[in-house]
Amino acid sequence: MSLRPGLFLDRDGVINRERGEHTWRMADFELLPGVAEAVRYATDAGYAVVVITNQSGIGLGLYGHADVTALHERLESELAASGARINLILYCPHHPSKGKCLCRKPGGLLLERAIARLGIDPAPSVMIGDRERDVQSAESAGVRGVLVPANGDLRNAVKRELRPA
């Protein structure tokens, strides 16, 4: 199996608007402008597109796995309506106050799972996030991490950072 590069994306602040609190209700979910175009660009360049997100509200009991799944289905539906597709979404449900886990960013376990599952070559891959823990997570999995401002235009970062496969 030939490996391909991956584009790993944080969710809140990169794909949808960062509100400063947990986002799990449909009414609070706002896809940022340019995300669909950025995802299409990455796919056209030969990248697998993976969302890696911490969802600690589950661990806190604020919401459940079904809420996150429903929100991710909406995200995929909105992107599909614009001709864009995410290959995989992985999330950590744990809260650090409840103990240490390996899947919560800045840990790299979720990236490593995606790399194995989708046949991704980490060397040419990129993780775009709006927090230092996103960059640390990427680097721990051998992926280049790129820090962007929260709620920015993902198109600019994707076009600047990705190299055609």
Protein backbone atom coordinates (compact mmCIF):
# COMPACT_ATOMS: atom_id res chain seq x y z
CA MET A 1 0.00 0.00 0.00
CA SER A 2 1.38 3.36 -1.03
CA LEU A 3 1.35 5.96 1.71
CA ARG A 4 -0.18 9.38 1.17
CA PRO A 5 0.23 12.64 3.06
CA GLY A 6 -2.34 13.75 5.60
CA LEU A 7 -3.83 17.07 6.54
CA PHE A 8 -4.79 16.97 10.21
CA LEU A 9 -7.10 19.71 11.43
CA ASP A 10 -8.12 20.79 14.89
CA ARG A 11 -11.87 21.43 15.08
CA ASP A 12 -12.84 24.35 17.31
CA GLY A 13 -11.21 27.56 16.08
CA VAL A 14 -9.96 25.99 12.82
CA ILE A 15 -13.06 24.37 11.26
CA ASN A 16 -15.81 25.96 13.32
CA ARG A 17 -15.94 29.17 15.30
CA GLU A 18 -14.17 29.04 18.67
CA ARG A 19 -16.65 30.47 21.16
CA GLY A 20 -14.59 30.20 24.34
CA GLU A 21 -16.77 27.37 25.63
CA HIS A 22 -17.67 23.82 24.62
CA THR A 23 -19.44 23.47 21.28
CA TRP A 24 -21.82 20.54 21.04
CA ARG A 25 -25.23 22.08 20.40
CA MET A 26 -26.24 22.47 16.76
CA ALA A 27 -27.29 26.09 17.41
CA ASP A 28 -23.74 26.92 18.54
CA PHE A 29 -21.97 25.30 15.58
CA GLU A 30 -20.78 27.72 12.90
CA LEU A 31 -18.58 26.48 10.07
CA LEU A 32 -15.89 29.06 9.35
CA PRO A 33 -15.73 30.60 5.87
CA GLY A 34 -13.34 28.89 3.46
CA VAL A 35 -13.21 25.53 5.24
CA ALA A 36 -14.90 23.59 2.43
CA GLU A 37 -12.58 25.15 -0.15
CA ALA A 38 -9.52 24.33 1.99
CA VAL A 39 -10.63 20.70 2.42
CA ARG A 40 -11.28 20.36 -1.34
CA TYR A 41 -7.85 21.85 -2.06
CA ALA A 42 -6.18 19.32 0.25
CA THR A 43 -8.10 16.40 -1.25
CA ASP A 44 -7.26 17.54 -4.79
CA ALA A 45 -3.59 17.72 -3.75
CA GLY A 46 -3.73 14.05 -2.69
CA TYR A 47 -4.03 14.50 1.07
CA ALA A 48 -6.21 12.47 3.42
CA VAL A 49 -8.10 14.96 5.61
CA VAL A 50 -8.46 14.09 9.30
CA VAL A 51 -10.04 16.05 12.14
CA ILE A 52 -8.42 15.56 15.56
CA THR A 53 -10.29 17.21 18.44
CA ASN A 54 -10.40 17.20 22.23
CA GLN A 55 -13.99 16.91 23.45
CA SER A 56 -13.47 17.09 27.20
CA GLY A 57 -17.09 18.12 27.78
CA ILE A 58 -17.92 14.42 27.54
CA GLY A 59 -15.59 13.66 30.43
CA LEU A 60 -17.16 16.50 32.39
CA GLY A 61 -20.66 15.16 31.75
CA LEU A 62 -21.78 18.27 29.83
CA TYR A 63 -22.72 16.25 26.75
CA GLY A 64 -22.38 12.76 25.36
CA HIS A 65 -20.83 10.84 22.48
CA ALA A 66 -24.14 11.02 20.58
CA ASP A 67 -24.00 14.84 20.68
CA VAL A 68 -20.49 14.86 19.24
CA THR A 69 -21.43 12.29 16.58
CA ALA A 70 -24.47 14.34 15.54
CA LEU A 71 -22.37 17.51 15.29
CA HIS A 72 -19.73 15.71 13.22
CA GLU A 73 -22.41 14.31 10.91
CA ARG A 74 -23.64 17.88 10.39
CA LEU A 75 -20.08 19.03 9.69
CA GLU A 76 -19.62 16.28 7.10
CA SER A 77 -23.00 17.08 5.55
CA GLU A 78 -22.24 20.81 5.27
CA LEU A 79 -18.87 20.06 3.70
CA ALA A 80 -20.37 17.48 1.31
CA ALA A 81 -22.88 20.09 0.12
CA SER A 82 -19.85 22.10 -1.02
CA GLY A 83 -18.09 19.13 -2.60
CA ALA A 84 -15.64 18.61 0.29
CA ARG A 85 -14.96 15.41 2.24
CA ILE A 86 -13.23 14.55 5.48
CA ASN A 87 -11.72 11.07 5.58
CA LEU A 88 -11.82 10.57 9.35
CA ILE A 89 -12.78 12.37 12.56
CA LEU A 90 -11.23 11.25 15.84
CA TYR A 91 -11.80 12.80 19.25
CA CYS A 92 -10.67 12.45 22.83
CA PRO A 93 -13.60 12.39 25.29
CA HIS A 94 -11.47 12.71 28.42
CA HIS A 95 -11.01 15.70 30.72
CA PRO A 96 -7.57 16.19 32.31
CA SER A 97 -9.13 16.61 35.78
CA LYS A 98 -10.30 12.98 35.57
CA GLY A 99 -6.82 11.56 34.99
CA LYS A 100 -4.20 11.36 32.26
CA CYS A 101 -4.94 9.74 28.92
CA LEU A 102 -2.85 9.20 25.81
CA CYS A 103 -5.41 10.38 23.27
CA ARG A 104 -5.86 13.96 24.51
CA LYS A 105 -3.78 16.54 22.67
CA PRO A 106 -0.92 17.32 23.22
CA GLY A 107 -0.63 13.52 23.06
CA GLY A 108 -0.27 12.07 19.60
CA LEU A 109 -2.26 8.84 19.90
CA LEU A 110 -5.19 10.00 17.75
CA LEU A 111 -2.84 11.12 14.97
CA GLU A 112 -1.03 7.79 15.20
CA ARG A 113 -4.35 5.94 14.91
CA ALA A 114 -5.30 7.94 11.81
CA ILE A 115 -1.85 7.39 10.29
CA ALA A 116 -2.20 3.63 10.73
CA ARG A 117 -5.85 3.42 9.69
CA LEU A 118 -5.56 5.55 6.53
CA GLY A 119 -2.03 4.70 5.41
CA ILE A 120 -0.68 8.20 5.95
CA ASP A 121 2.99 9.08 5.63
CA PRO A 122 3.69 11.42 8.57
CA ALA A 123 6.80 13.03 7.04
CA PRO A 124 5.01 15.20 4.41
CA SER A 125 1.89 15.57 6.56
CA VAL A 126 0.69 18.74 8.30
CA MET A 127 -1.44 19.43 11.38
CA ILE A 128 -3.11 22.85 11.50
CA GLY A 129 -4.31 24.03 14.88
CA ASP A 130 -4.96 27.18 16.86
CA ARG A 131 -3.24 26.09 20.08
CA GLU A 132 0.27 25.05 20.98
CA ARG A 133 -1.03 21.63 22.08
CA ASP A 134 -2.06 20.97 18.45
CA VAL A 135 1.51 21.57 17.30
CA GLN A 136 2.91 19.42 20.14
CA SER A 137 0.49 16.62 19.25
CA ALA A 138 1.57 16.73 15.62
CA GLU A 139 5.26 16.72 16.42
CA SER A 140 4.89 13.76 18.79
CA ALA A 141 3.51 11.76 15.84
CA GLY A 142 6.19 12.90 13.37
CA VAL A 143 3.88 15.39 11.64
CA ARG A 144 4.72 19.05 11.04
CA GLY A 145 2.55 21.29 13.21
CA VAL A 146 1.35 24.71 12.05
CA LEU A 147 -0.14 27.24 14.44
CA VAL A 148 -2.82 29.57 13.05
CA PRO A 149 -4.96 32.27 14.69
CA ALA A 150 -8.31 31.04 16.02
CA ASN A 151 -11.25 31.64 13.68
CA GLY A 152 -8.94 32.55 10.80
CA ASP A 153 -9.24 31.64 7.14
CA LEU A 154 -8.10 28.03 6.76
CA ARG A 155 -7.66 28.48 2.99
CA ASN A 156 -4.58 30.65 3.47
CA ALA A 157 -2.80 28.16 5.73
CA VAL A 158 -3.68 25.14 3.58
CA LYS A 159 -2.53 26.75 0.35
CA ARG A 160 0.68 27.96 2.02
CA GLU A 161 1.56 24.70 3.81
CA LEU A 162 0.49 21.83 1.55
CA ARG A 163 2.61 20.45 -1.25
CA PRO A 164 0.93 18.49 -4.06
CA ALA A 165 1.46 14.75 -3.53
